[in-house]
Amino acid sequence: MNRREAVQRVALMMGGVLAAPLMAGVMGQVTNTGTSVAVTAEQEALLAEVADIIIPTTDTPGAKAAGVEKFIVRVMRDCYKKEDQDKFYAGLAKLEADSQTKFGKGFIALDTAQKNEMVKLSTTEDKPFFLRMKELTVTGYFTSEIGATKALAYLPIPGKFESCVPLKAGQKAWAL
């Protein structure tokens, strides 16, 4: 079983908590055969900055280091309908416009405290965008090599199966 199969099985066990298009994206499937939104380099850079606020670099690399923005662009293009893509990228544009209005500069140019403030603001003013962005960021990060090996405990060749093992204080959760 490879990692993608494991993620799919875990999602099914969790009762399909992850959105169907997102699961298709994790599995590398293409479910949107229609038109897609063309993403600019500026939008991709903005996605990287927002994702890096959601999962910042600490003692482990953050979302930007994991290339989460590329995952988000691919999953949105390949797995979400054009209407959903339009809503998502409109939310991203709104975040950029709100940054311009509030601070007089774009989101990327803001300092970390201002970026945090803008992302917190989006949790109330544009909750659907924030929830989708968070879902894509977290899934993209923890299914990346960096997320699975640096942020989670990873054992490439597992030993025997032990169904219930207590975690030690400060121990990382296991990667799939």
N, C-alpha and C. Protein backbone atom coordinates (compact mmCIF):
# COMPACT_ATOMS: atom_id res chain seq x y z
N MET A 1 0.86 -1.17 0.00
CA MET A 1 0.00 0.00 0.00
C MET A 1 0.90 1.23 0.00
N ASN A 2 0.60 2.19 -0.87
CA ASN A 2 1.38 3.43 -0.87
C ASN A 2 0.67 4.50 -0.04
N ARG A 3 1.32 5.64 0.12
CA ARG A 3 0.79 6.69 0.98
C ARG A 3 -0.57 7.19 0.51
N ARG A 4 -0.74 7.33 -0.79
CA ARG A 4 -2.03 7.82 -1.30
C ARG A 4 -3.17 6.87 -0.96
N GLU A 5 -2.93 5.59 -1.09
CA GLU A 5 -3.95 4.61 -0.73
C GLU A 5 -4.26 4.70 0.76
N ALA A 6 -3.24 4.88 1.56
CA ALA A 6 -3.44 4.98 3.01
C ALA A 6 -4.28 6.20 3.36
N VAL A 7 -3.98 7.35 2.73
CA VAL A 7 -4.74 8.58 2.98
C VAL A 7 -6.20 8.37 2.59
N GLN A 8 -6.43 7.73 1.45
CA GLN A 8 -7.79 7.48 1.00
C GLN A 8 -8.52 6.59 2.00
N ARG A 9 -7.89 5.55 2.47
CA ARG A 9 -8.54 4.65 3.42
C ARG A 9 -8.84 5.33 4.74
N VAL A 10 -7.90 6.14 5.21
CA VAL A 10 -8.13 6.86 6.46
C VAL A 10 -9.30 7.82 6.30
N ALA A 11 -9.38 8.50 5.16
CA ALA A 11 -10.49 9.42 4.92
C ALA A 11 -11.82 8.68 4.90
N LEU A 12 -11.83 7.52 4.30
CA LEU A 12 -13.06 6.74 4.28
C LEU A 12 -13.44 6.28 5.68
N MET A 13 -12.44 5.91 6.48
CA MET A 13 -12.70 5.51 7.86
C MET A 13 -13.22 6.68 8.68
N MET A 14 -12.75 7.89 8.37
CA MET A 14 -13.20 9.06 9.10
C MET A 14 -14.58 9.50 8.64
N GLY A 15 -15.20 8.76 7.77
CA GLY A 15 -16.54 9.09 7.31
C GLY A 15 -16.55 10.13 6.21
N GLY A 16 -15.47 10.17 5.46
CA GLY A 16 -15.43 11.13 4.35
C GLY A 16 -15.36 12.56 4.83
N VAL A 17 -14.60 12.83 5.91
CA VAL A 17 -14.49 14.17 6.45
C VAL A 17 -13.91 15.13 5.42
N LEU A 18 -12.97 14.67 4.63
CA LEU A 18 -12.39 15.51 3.59
C LEU A 18 -13.34 15.58 2.40
N ALA A 19 -13.37 16.72 1.73
CA ALA A 19 -14.22 16.90 0.57
C ALA A 19 -13.82 15.93 -0.53
N ALA A 20 -14.81 15.47 -1.28
CA ALA A 20 -14.55 14.51 -2.36
C ALA A 20 -13.56 15.04 -3.39
N PRO A 21 -13.67 16.32 -3.83
CA PRO A 21 -12.67 16.80 -4.78
C PRO A 21 -11.27 16.81 -4.20
N LEU A 22 -11.16 17.12 -2.92
CA LEU A 22 -9.85 17.14 -2.27
C LEU A 22 -9.27 15.74 -2.23
N MET A 23 -10.06 14.76 -1.90
CA MET A 23 -9.57 13.37 -1.88
C MET A 23 -9.14 12.93 -3.27
N ALA A 24 -9.90 13.34 -4.28
CA ALA A 24 -9.51 13.00 -5.66
C ALA A 24 -8.16 13.64 -5.97
N GLY A 25 -7.94 14.87 -5.50
CA GLY A 25 -6.67 15.54 -5.73
C GLY A 25 -5.52 14.84 -5.05
N VAL A 26 -5.74 14.38 -3.81
CA VAL A 26 -4.70 13.65 -3.09
C VAL A 26 -4.36 12.37 -3.84
N MET A 27 -5.36 11.75 -4.42
CA MET A 27 -5.15 10.50 -5.15
C MET A 27 -4.59 10.74 -6.55
N GLY A 28 -4.44 12.02 -6.95
CA GLY A 28 -3.87 12.33 -8.25
C GLY A 28 -4.85 12.18 -9.39
N GLN A 29 -6.14 12.15 -9.07
CA GLN A 29 -7.15 11.99 -10.11
C GLN A 29 -7.56 13.35 -10.67
N VAL A 30 -8.08 13.34 -11.89
CA VAL A 30 -8.61 14.54 -12.52
C VAL A 30 -10.11 14.33 -12.68
N THR A 31 -10.90 15.12 -11.93
CA THR A 31 -12.35 14.99 -12.03
C THR A 31 -12.98 16.17 -12.76
N ASN A 32 -12.23 17.25 -12.94
CA ASN A 32 -12.74 18.40 -13.67
C ASN A 32 -12.17 18.38 -15.08
N THR A 33 -12.98 18.01 -16.04
CA THR A 33 -12.52 17.98 -17.42
C THR A 33 -12.96 19.22 -18.19
N GLY A 34 -13.67 20.12 -17.49
CA GLY A 34 -14.12 21.36 -18.11
C GLY A 34 -13.06 22.43 -18.03
N THR A 35 -13.50 23.67 -18.18
CA THR A 35 -12.57 24.80 -18.14
C THR A 35 -12.10 25.06 -16.72
N SER A 36 -10.97 25.71 -16.62
CA SER A 36 -10.39 26.04 -15.33
C SER A 36 -9.93 27.49 -15.32
N VAL A 37 -9.76 28.02 -14.13
CA VAL A 37 -9.24 29.37 -13.96
C VAL A 37 -7.73 29.35 -14.21
N ALA A 38 -7.25 30.27 -15.01
CA ALA A 38 -5.81 30.38 -15.24
C ALA A 38 -5.21 31.13 -14.05
N VAL A 39 -4.26 30.51 -13.40
CA VAL A 39 -3.65 31.08 -12.20
C VAL A 39 -2.35 31.79 -12.58
N THR A 40 -2.23 33.02 -12.14
CA THR A 40 -1.03 33.81 -12.43
C THR A 40 0.06 33.50 -11.40
N ALA A 41 1.27 33.91 -11.72
CA ALA A 41 2.39 33.73 -10.79
C ALA A 41 2.15 34.54 -9.51
N GLU A 42 1.50 35.69 -9.63
CA GLU A 42 1.20 36.52 -8.45
C GLU A 42 0.20 35.81 -7.54
N GLN A 43 -0.82 35.18 -8.13
CA GLN A 43 -1.79 34.44 -7.32
C GLN A 43 -1.12 33.26 -6.62
N GLU A 44 -0.24 32.57 -7.32
CA GLU A 44 0.47 31.44 -6.73
C GLU A 44 1.35 31.89 -5.58
N ALA A 45 2.03 33.03 -5.74
CA ALA A 45 2.86 33.57 -4.66
C ALA A 45 1.99 33.97 -3.46
N LEU A 46 0.83 34.53 -3.74
CA LEU A 46 -0.10 34.90 -2.68
C LEU A 46 -0.60 33.67 -1.93
N LEU A 47 -0.92 32.62 -2.68
CA LEU A 47 -1.33 31.35 -2.05
C LEU A 47 -0.22 30.83 -1.13
N ALA A 48 1.02 30.92 -1.57
CA ALA A 48 2.15 30.44 -0.76
C ALA A 48 2.24 31.23 0.54
N GLU A 49 2.05 32.53 0.48
CA GLU A 49 2.13 33.37 1.68
C GLU A 49 1.00 33.07 2.65
N VAL A 50 -0.21 32.92 2.14
CA VAL A 50 -1.36 32.62 3.01
C VAL A 50 -1.17 31.25 3.64
N ALA A 51 -0.75 30.28 2.85
CA ALA A 51 -0.53 28.93 3.38
C ALA A 51 0.56 28.95 4.44
N ASP A 52 1.56 29.79 4.28
CA ASP A 52 2.65 29.86 5.24
C ASP A 52 2.22 30.53 6.54
N ILE A 53 1.15 31.29 6.52
CA ILE A 53 0.59 31.84 7.75
C ILE A 53 -0.20 30.74 8.47
N ILE A 54 -0.88 29.90 7.70
CA ILE A 54 -1.65 28.79 8.30
C ILE A 54 -0.71 27.75 8.91
N ILE A 55 0.34 27.36 8.19
CA ILE A 55 1.35 26.44 8.72
C ILE A 55 2.72 27.11 8.53
N PRO A 56 3.14 27.89 9.54
CA PRO A 56 4.41 28.62 9.43
C PRO A 56 5.61 27.71 9.71
N THR A 57 6.76 28.21 9.33
CA THR A 57 8.00 27.52 9.65
C THR A 57 8.28 27.72 11.13
N THR A 58 8.51 26.62 11.83
CA THR A 58 8.89 26.66 13.25
C THR A 58 10.15 25.81 13.36
N ASP A 59 10.13 24.80 14.20
CA ASP A 59 11.26 23.89 14.23
C ASP A 59 11.17 22.90 13.08
N THR A 60 10.06 22.93 12.36
CA THR A 60 9.89 22.15 11.13
C THR A 60 9.59 23.11 9.98
N PRO A 61 9.88 22.73 8.75
CA PRO A 61 9.58 23.60 7.62
C PRO A 61 8.07 23.86 7.50
N GLY A 62 7.71 25.02 7.00
CA GLY A 62 6.31 25.40 6.86
C GLY A 62 5.72 25.02 5.51
N ALA A 63 4.50 25.51 5.28
CA ALA A 63 3.76 25.19 4.06
C ALA A 63 4.46 25.69 2.80
N LYS A 64 5.09 26.84 2.89
CA LYS A 64 5.77 27.38 1.72
C LYS A 64 6.94 26.48 1.32
N ALA A 65 7.69 26.00 2.30
CA ALA A 65 8.82 25.10 2.02
C ALA A 65 8.35 23.78 1.42
N ALA A 66 7.15 23.37 1.78
CA ALA A 66 6.60 22.11 1.26
C ALA A 66 5.99 22.27 -0.14
N GLY A 67 5.90 23.50 -0.63
CA GLY A 67 5.33 23.73 -1.96
C GLY A 67 3.82 23.53 -2.00
N VAL A 68 3.15 23.86 -0.91
CA VAL A 68 1.71 23.65 -0.81
C VAL A 68 0.94 24.43 -1.88
N GLU A 69 1.45 25.59 -2.27
CA GLU A 69 0.74 26.39 -3.27
C GLU A 69 0.58 25.63 -4.58
N LYS A 70 1.56 24.83 -4.95
CA LYS A 70 1.48 24.04 -6.19
C LYS A 70 0.41 22.96 -6.04
N PHE A 71 0.32 22.36 -4.86
CA PHE A 71 -0.73 21.38 -4.58
C PHE A 71 -2.10 22.03 -4.70
N ILE A 72 -2.26 23.22 -4.11
CA ILE A 72 -3.54 23.92 -4.15
C ILE A 72 -3.95 24.24 -5.58
N VAL A 73 -3.02 24.78 -6.35
CA VAL A 73 -3.32 25.13 -7.75
C VAL A 73 -3.73 23.88 -8.53
N ARG A 74 -2.98 22.77 -8.36
CA ARG A 74 -3.29 21.55 -9.09
C ARG A 74 -4.64 20.97 -8.69
N VAL A 75 -4.91 20.91 -7.40
CA VAL A 75 -6.18 20.33 -6.95
C VAL A 75 -7.36 21.21 -7.37
N MET A 76 -7.22 22.52 -7.25
CA MET A 76 -8.31 23.40 -7.69
C MET A 76 -8.57 23.23 -9.19
N ARG A 77 -7.49 23.16 -9.97
CA ARG A 77 -7.63 23.03 -11.43
C ARG A 77 -8.21 21.67 -11.83
N ASP A 78 -7.69 20.61 -11.21
CA ASP A 78 -8.05 19.26 -11.65
C ASP A 78 -9.31 18.70 -11.01
N CYS A 79 -9.72 19.22 -9.86
CA CYS A 79 -10.77 18.54 -9.10
C CYS A 79 -11.98 19.40 -8.74
N TYR A 80 -11.92 20.68 -8.90
CA TYR A 80 -13.05 21.54 -8.55
C TYR A 80 -13.65 22.14 -9.82
N LYS A 81 -14.96 22.29 -9.81
CA LYS A 81 -15.67 22.91 -10.94
C LYS A 81 -15.25 24.36 -11.07
N LYS A 82 -15.43 24.90 -12.26
CA LYS A 82 -15.04 26.29 -12.53
C LYS A 82 -15.72 27.26 -11.57
N GLU A 83 -16.98 27.01 -11.22
CA GLU A 83 -17.70 27.90 -10.30
C GLU A 83 -17.02 27.93 -8.93
N ASP A 84 -16.60 26.75 -8.45
CA ASP A 84 -15.90 26.67 -7.17
C ASP A 84 -14.53 27.35 -7.24
N GLN A 85 -13.86 27.18 -8.37
CA GLN A 85 -12.57 27.84 -8.56
C GLN A 85 -12.74 29.36 -8.55
N ASP A 86 -13.79 29.84 -9.24
CA ASP A 86 -14.05 31.28 -9.27
C ASP A 86 -14.27 31.83 -7.86
N LYS A 87 -15.06 31.11 -7.06
CA LYS A 87 -15.32 31.55 -5.68
C LYS A 87 -14.03 31.57 -4.87
N PHE A 88 -13.22 30.52 -5.01
CA PHE A 88 -11.98 30.43 -4.24
C PHE A 88 -11.03 31.57 -4.60
N TYR A 89 -10.80 31.77 -5.90
CA TYR A 89 -9.87 32.82 -6.32
C TYR A 89 -10.43 34.22 -6.09
N ALA A 90 -11.77 34.35 -6.05
CA ALA A 90 -12.38 35.64 -5.66
C ALA A 90 -12.09 35.92 -4.19
N GLY A 91 -12.12 34.88 -3.36
CA GLY A 91 -11.76 35.03 -1.95
C GLY A 91 -10.32 35.45 -1.78
N LEU A 92 -9.44 34.88 -2.59
CA LEU A 92 -8.02 35.24 -2.56
C LEU A 92 -7.85 36.70 -2.98
N ALA A 93 -8.57 37.11 -4.02
CA ALA A 93 -8.51 38.51 -4.49
C ALA A 93 -9.06 39.46 -3.42
N LYS A 94 -10.10 39.03 -2.71
CA LYS A 94 -10.68 39.85 -1.64
C LYS A 94 -9.67 40.03 -0.51
N LEU A 95 -8.95 38.98 -0.17
CA LEU A 95 -7.92 39.09 0.86
C LEU A 95 -6.85 40.10 0.45
N GLU A 96 -6.44 40.05 -0.79
CA GLU A 96 -5.44 41.00 -1.32
C GLU A 96 -6.00 42.42 -1.29
N ALA A 97 -7.25 42.60 -1.74
CA ALA A 97 -7.87 43.93 -1.75
C ALA A 97 -8.04 44.47 -0.34
N ASP A 98 -8.45 43.62 0.59
CA ASP A 98 -8.62 44.04 1.99
C ASP A 98 -7.27 44.46 2.59
N SER A 99 -6.19 43.78 2.21
CA SER A 99 -4.85 44.15 2.68
C SER A 99 -4.47 45.53 2.15
N GLN A 100 -4.78 45.76 0.88
CA GLN A 100 -4.51 47.07 0.28
C GLN A 100 -5.29 48.16 1.00
N THR A 101 -6.57 47.89 1.28
CA THR A 101 -7.42 48.89 1.93
C THR A 101 -6.96 49.18 3.36
N LYS A 102 -6.68 48.12 4.11
CA LYS A 102 -6.35 48.28 5.53
C LYS A 102 -4.93 48.79 5.77
N PHE A 103 -3.96 48.29 5.00
CA PHE A 103 -2.57 48.63 5.26
C PHE A 103 -1.88 49.41 4.14
N GLY A 104 -2.56 49.60 3.01
CA GLY A 104 -1.97 50.35 1.91
C GLY A 104 -0.94 49.58 1.11
N LYS A 105 -0.86 48.26 1.33
CA LYS A 105 0.05 47.42 0.54
C LYS A 105 -0.52 46.03 0.45
N GLY A 106 -0.01 45.28 -0.53
CA GLY A 106 -0.50 43.93 -0.77
C GLY A 106 -0.13 42.97 0.35
N PHE A 107 -0.80 41.84 0.39
CA PHE A 107 -0.61 40.85 1.45
C PHE A 107 0.83 40.39 1.56
N ILE A 108 1.49 40.16 0.45
CA ILE A 108 2.87 39.66 0.46
C ILE A 108 3.82 40.66 1.12
N ALA A 109 3.55 41.96 0.97
CA ALA A 109 4.42 43.00 1.52
C ALA A 109 4.19 43.25 3.01
N LEU A 110 3.15 42.67 3.59
CA LEU A 110 2.85 42.89 5.00
C LEU A 110 3.84 42.15 5.89
N ASP A 111 3.99 42.64 7.13
CA ASP A 111 4.80 41.89 8.09
C ASP A 111 3.95 40.75 8.66
N THR A 112 4.58 39.86 9.42
CA THR A 112 3.91 38.66 9.89
C THR A 112 2.69 38.98 10.74
N ALA A 113 2.78 39.96 11.62
CA ALA A 113 1.65 40.32 12.49
C ALA A 113 0.47 40.81 11.64
N GLN A 114 0.75 41.61 10.62
CA GLN A 114 -0.32 42.11 9.75
C GLN A 114 -0.94 40.98 8.93
N LYS A 115 -0.09 40.05 8.46
CA LYS A 115 -0.61 38.90 7.71
C LYS A 115 -1.52 38.06 8.60
N ASN A 116 -1.10 37.84 9.84
CA ASN A 116 -1.93 37.09 10.78
C ASN A 116 -3.27 37.78 11.00
N GLU A 117 -3.23 39.09 11.13
CA GLU A 117 -4.46 39.87 11.32
C GLU A 117 -5.39 39.72 10.12
N MET A 118 -4.83 39.77 8.92
CA MET A 118 -5.66 39.66 7.71
C MET A 118 -6.26 38.26 7.58
N VAL A 119 -5.48 37.23 7.92
CA VAL A 119 -6.01 35.86 7.84
C VAL A 119 -7.10 35.66 8.89
N LYS A 120 -6.89 36.19 10.10
CA LYS A 120 -7.92 36.10 11.14
C LYS A 120 -9.18 36.82 10.70
N LEU A 121 -9.01 37.96 10.04
CA LEU A 121 -10.16 38.70 9.54
C LEU A 121 -10.93 37.89 8.50
N SER A 122 -10.20 37.15 7.67
CA SER A 122 -10.88 36.34 6.64
C SER A 122 -11.67 35.18 7.26
N THR A 123 -11.33 34.77 8.49
CA THR A 123 -12.08 33.69 9.13
C THR A 123 -13.50 34.11 9.45
N THR A 124 -13.74 35.41 9.57
CA THR A 124 -15.10 35.89 9.84
C THR A 124 -15.73 36.54 8.61
N GLU A 125 -14.95 37.29 7.85
CA GLU A 125 -15.52 38.02 6.71
C GLU A 125 -15.69 37.16 5.47
N ASP A 126 -14.86 36.16 5.31
CA ASP A 126 -14.96 35.27 4.13
C ASP A 126 -14.67 33.84 4.58
N LYS A 127 -15.53 33.35 5.45
CA LYS A 127 -15.32 32.04 6.06
C LYS A 127 -15.22 30.90 5.04
N PRO A 128 -16.07 30.86 3.98
CA PRO A 128 -15.94 29.76 3.01
C PRO A 128 -14.56 29.71 2.35
N PHE A 129 -14.01 30.89 2.01
CA PHE A 129 -12.66 30.92 1.42
C PHE A 129 -11.65 30.40 2.42
N PHE A 130 -11.71 30.91 3.66
CA PHE A 130 -10.73 30.51 4.66
C PHE A 130 -10.78 29.00 4.93
N LEU A 131 -11.98 28.46 5.07
CA LEU A 131 -12.10 27.02 5.34
C LEU A 131 -11.53 26.18 4.20
N ARG A 132 -11.80 26.58 2.95
CA ARG A 132 -11.25 25.85 1.81
C ARG A 132 -9.74 25.98 1.76
N MET A 133 -9.25 27.19 2.02
CA MET A 133 -7.80 27.43 2.01
C MET A 133 -7.12 26.60 3.10
N LYS A 134 -7.72 26.58 4.26
CA LYS A 134 -7.14 25.81 5.37
C LYS A 134 -7.16 24.31 5.06
N GLU A 135 -8.27 23.83 4.52
CA GLU A 135 -8.38 22.41 4.17
C GLU A 135 -7.33 22.02 3.14
N LEU A 136 -7.17 22.83 2.11
CA LEU A 136 -6.19 22.53 1.06
C LEU A 136 -4.76 22.63 1.59
N THR A 137 -4.51 23.62 2.44
CA THR A 137 -3.17 23.81 3.00
C THR A 137 -2.77 22.63 3.88
N VAL A 138 -3.65 22.26 4.80
CA VAL A 138 -3.34 21.18 5.73
C VAL A 138 -3.16 19.86 4.99
N THR A 139 -4.05 19.57 4.05
CA THR A 139 -3.95 18.32 3.30
C THR A 139 -2.69 18.32 2.43
N GLY A 140 -2.43 19.43 1.74
CA GLY A 140 -1.23 19.51 0.91
C GLY A 140 0.04 19.38 1.72
N TYR A 141 0.05 19.96 2.90
CA TYR A 141 1.25 19.91 3.74
C TYR A 141 1.50 18.50 4.26
N PHE A 142 0.49 17.89 4.84
CA PHE A 142 0.72 16.59 5.48
C PHE A 142 0.79 15.43 4.50
N THR A 143 0.49 15.66 3.23
CA THR A 143 0.72 14.63 2.22
C THR A 143 1.99 14.90 1.42
N SER A 144 2.69 15.99 1.76
CA SER A 144 3.98 16.28 1.11
C SER A 144 5.08 15.51 1.82
N GLU A 145 6.22 15.41 1.18
CA GLU A 145 7.35 14.72 1.80
C GLU A 145 7.80 15.43 3.07
N ILE A 146 7.84 16.75 3.03
CA ILE A 146 8.27 17.51 4.21
C ILE A 146 7.29 17.30 5.36
N GLY A 147 6.00 17.41 5.09
CA GLY A 147 5.01 17.24 6.14
C GLY A 147 5.02 15.85 6.74
N ALA A 148 5.16 14.84 5.88
CA ALA A 148 5.13 13.46 6.35
C ALA A 148 6.40 13.04 7.07
N THR A 149 7.53 13.63 6.71
CA THR A 149 8.79 13.17 7.32
C THR A 149 9.34 14.12 8.37
N LYS A 150 9.04 15.41 8.27
CA LYS A 150 9.59 16.38 9.22
C LYS A 150 8.60 16.73 10.33
N ALA A 151 7.33 16.91 9.97
CA ALA A 151 6.33 17.31 10.96
C ALA A 151 5.70 16.10 11.66
N LEU A 152 5.64 14.99 10.98
CA LEU A 152 5.09 13.77 11.56
C LEU A 152 6.20 12.74 11.73
N ALA A 153 5.98 11.80 12.59
CA ALA A 153 6.93 10.69 12.71
C ALA A 153 6.70 9.78 11.52
N TYR A 154 7.74 9.40 10.83
CA TYR A 154 7.60 8.63 9.61
C TYR A 154 8.49 7.40 9.68
N LEU A 155 7.89 6.26 9.40
CA LEU A 155 8.62 5.01 9.38
C LEU A 155 8.39 4.39 8.00
N PRO A 156 9.36 4.52 7.07
CA PRO A 156 9.14 4.07 5.70
C PRO A 156 8.88 2.57 5.59
N ILE A 157 9.48 1.79 6.45
CA ILE A 157 9.23 0.35 6.44
C ILE A 157 8.77 -0.03 7.85
N PRO A 158 7.46 -0.03 8.05
CA PRO A 158 6.97 -0.27 9.40
C PRO A 158 7.19 -1.71 9.85
N GLY A 159 7.27 -1.87 11.15
CA GLY A 159 7.41 -3.21 11.74
C GLY A 159 6.05 -3.79 12.01
N LYS A 160 5.92 -4.49 13.11
CA LYS A 160 4.65 -5.13 13.44
C LYS A 160 3.60 -4.08 13.76
N PHE A 161 2.36 -4.47 13.61
CA PHE A 161 1.24 -3.57 13.88
C PHE A 161 0.86 -3.65 15.36
N GLU A 162 0.88 -2.52 16.00
CA GLU A 162 0.41 -2.42 17.37
C GLU A 162 -0.74 -1.42 17.37
N SER A 163 -1.93 -1.89 17.68
CA SER A 163 -3.12 -1.06 17.51
C SER A 163 -3.24 0.07 18.52
N CYS A 164 -2.67 -0.09 19.69
CA CYS A 164 -2.82 0.95 20.71
C CYS A 164 -1.48 1.14 21.42
N VAL A 165 -0.81 2.22 21.07
CA VAL A 165 0.49 2.51 21.67
C VAL A 165 0.42 3.90 22.26
N PRO A 166 0.68 4.06 23.54
CA PRO A 166 0.64 5.40 24.12
C PRO A 166 1.78 6.26 23.58
N LEU A 167 1.48 7.52 23.31
CA LEU A 167 2.49 8.46 22.84
C LEU A 167 3.21 9.05 24.04
N LYS A 168 4.49 9.26 23.90
CA LYS A 168 5.28 9.92 24.94
C LYS A 168 5.03 11.42 24.87
N ALA A 169 5.26 12.12 25.94
CA ALA A 169 5.09 13.58 25.95
C ALA A 169 5.94 14.21 24.86
N GLY A 170 5.34 15.04 24.02
CA GLY A 170 6.06 15.72 22.96
C GLY A 170 6.31 14.89 21.71
N GLN A 171 5.86 13.63 21.69
CA GLN A 171 6.08 12.77 20.52
C GLN A 171 5.19 13.21 19.38
N LYS A 172 5.70 13.13 18.16
CA LYS A 172 4.94 13.49 16.97
C LYS A 172 3.92 12.40 16.66
N ALA A 173 2.81 12.79 16.01
CA ALA A 173 1.85 11.81 15.51
C ALA A 173 2.50 11.10 14.33
N TRP A 174 2.00 9.92 14.00
CA TRP A 174 2.59 9.13 12.91
C TRP A 174 2.03 9.54 11.56
N ALA A 175 2.89 9.56 10.56
CA ALA A 175 2.49 9.81 9.18
C ALA A 175 1.88 8.53 8.61
N LEU A 176 1.06 8.70 7.58
CA LEU A 176 0.45 7.54 6.94
C LEU A 176 1.34 6.98 5.89
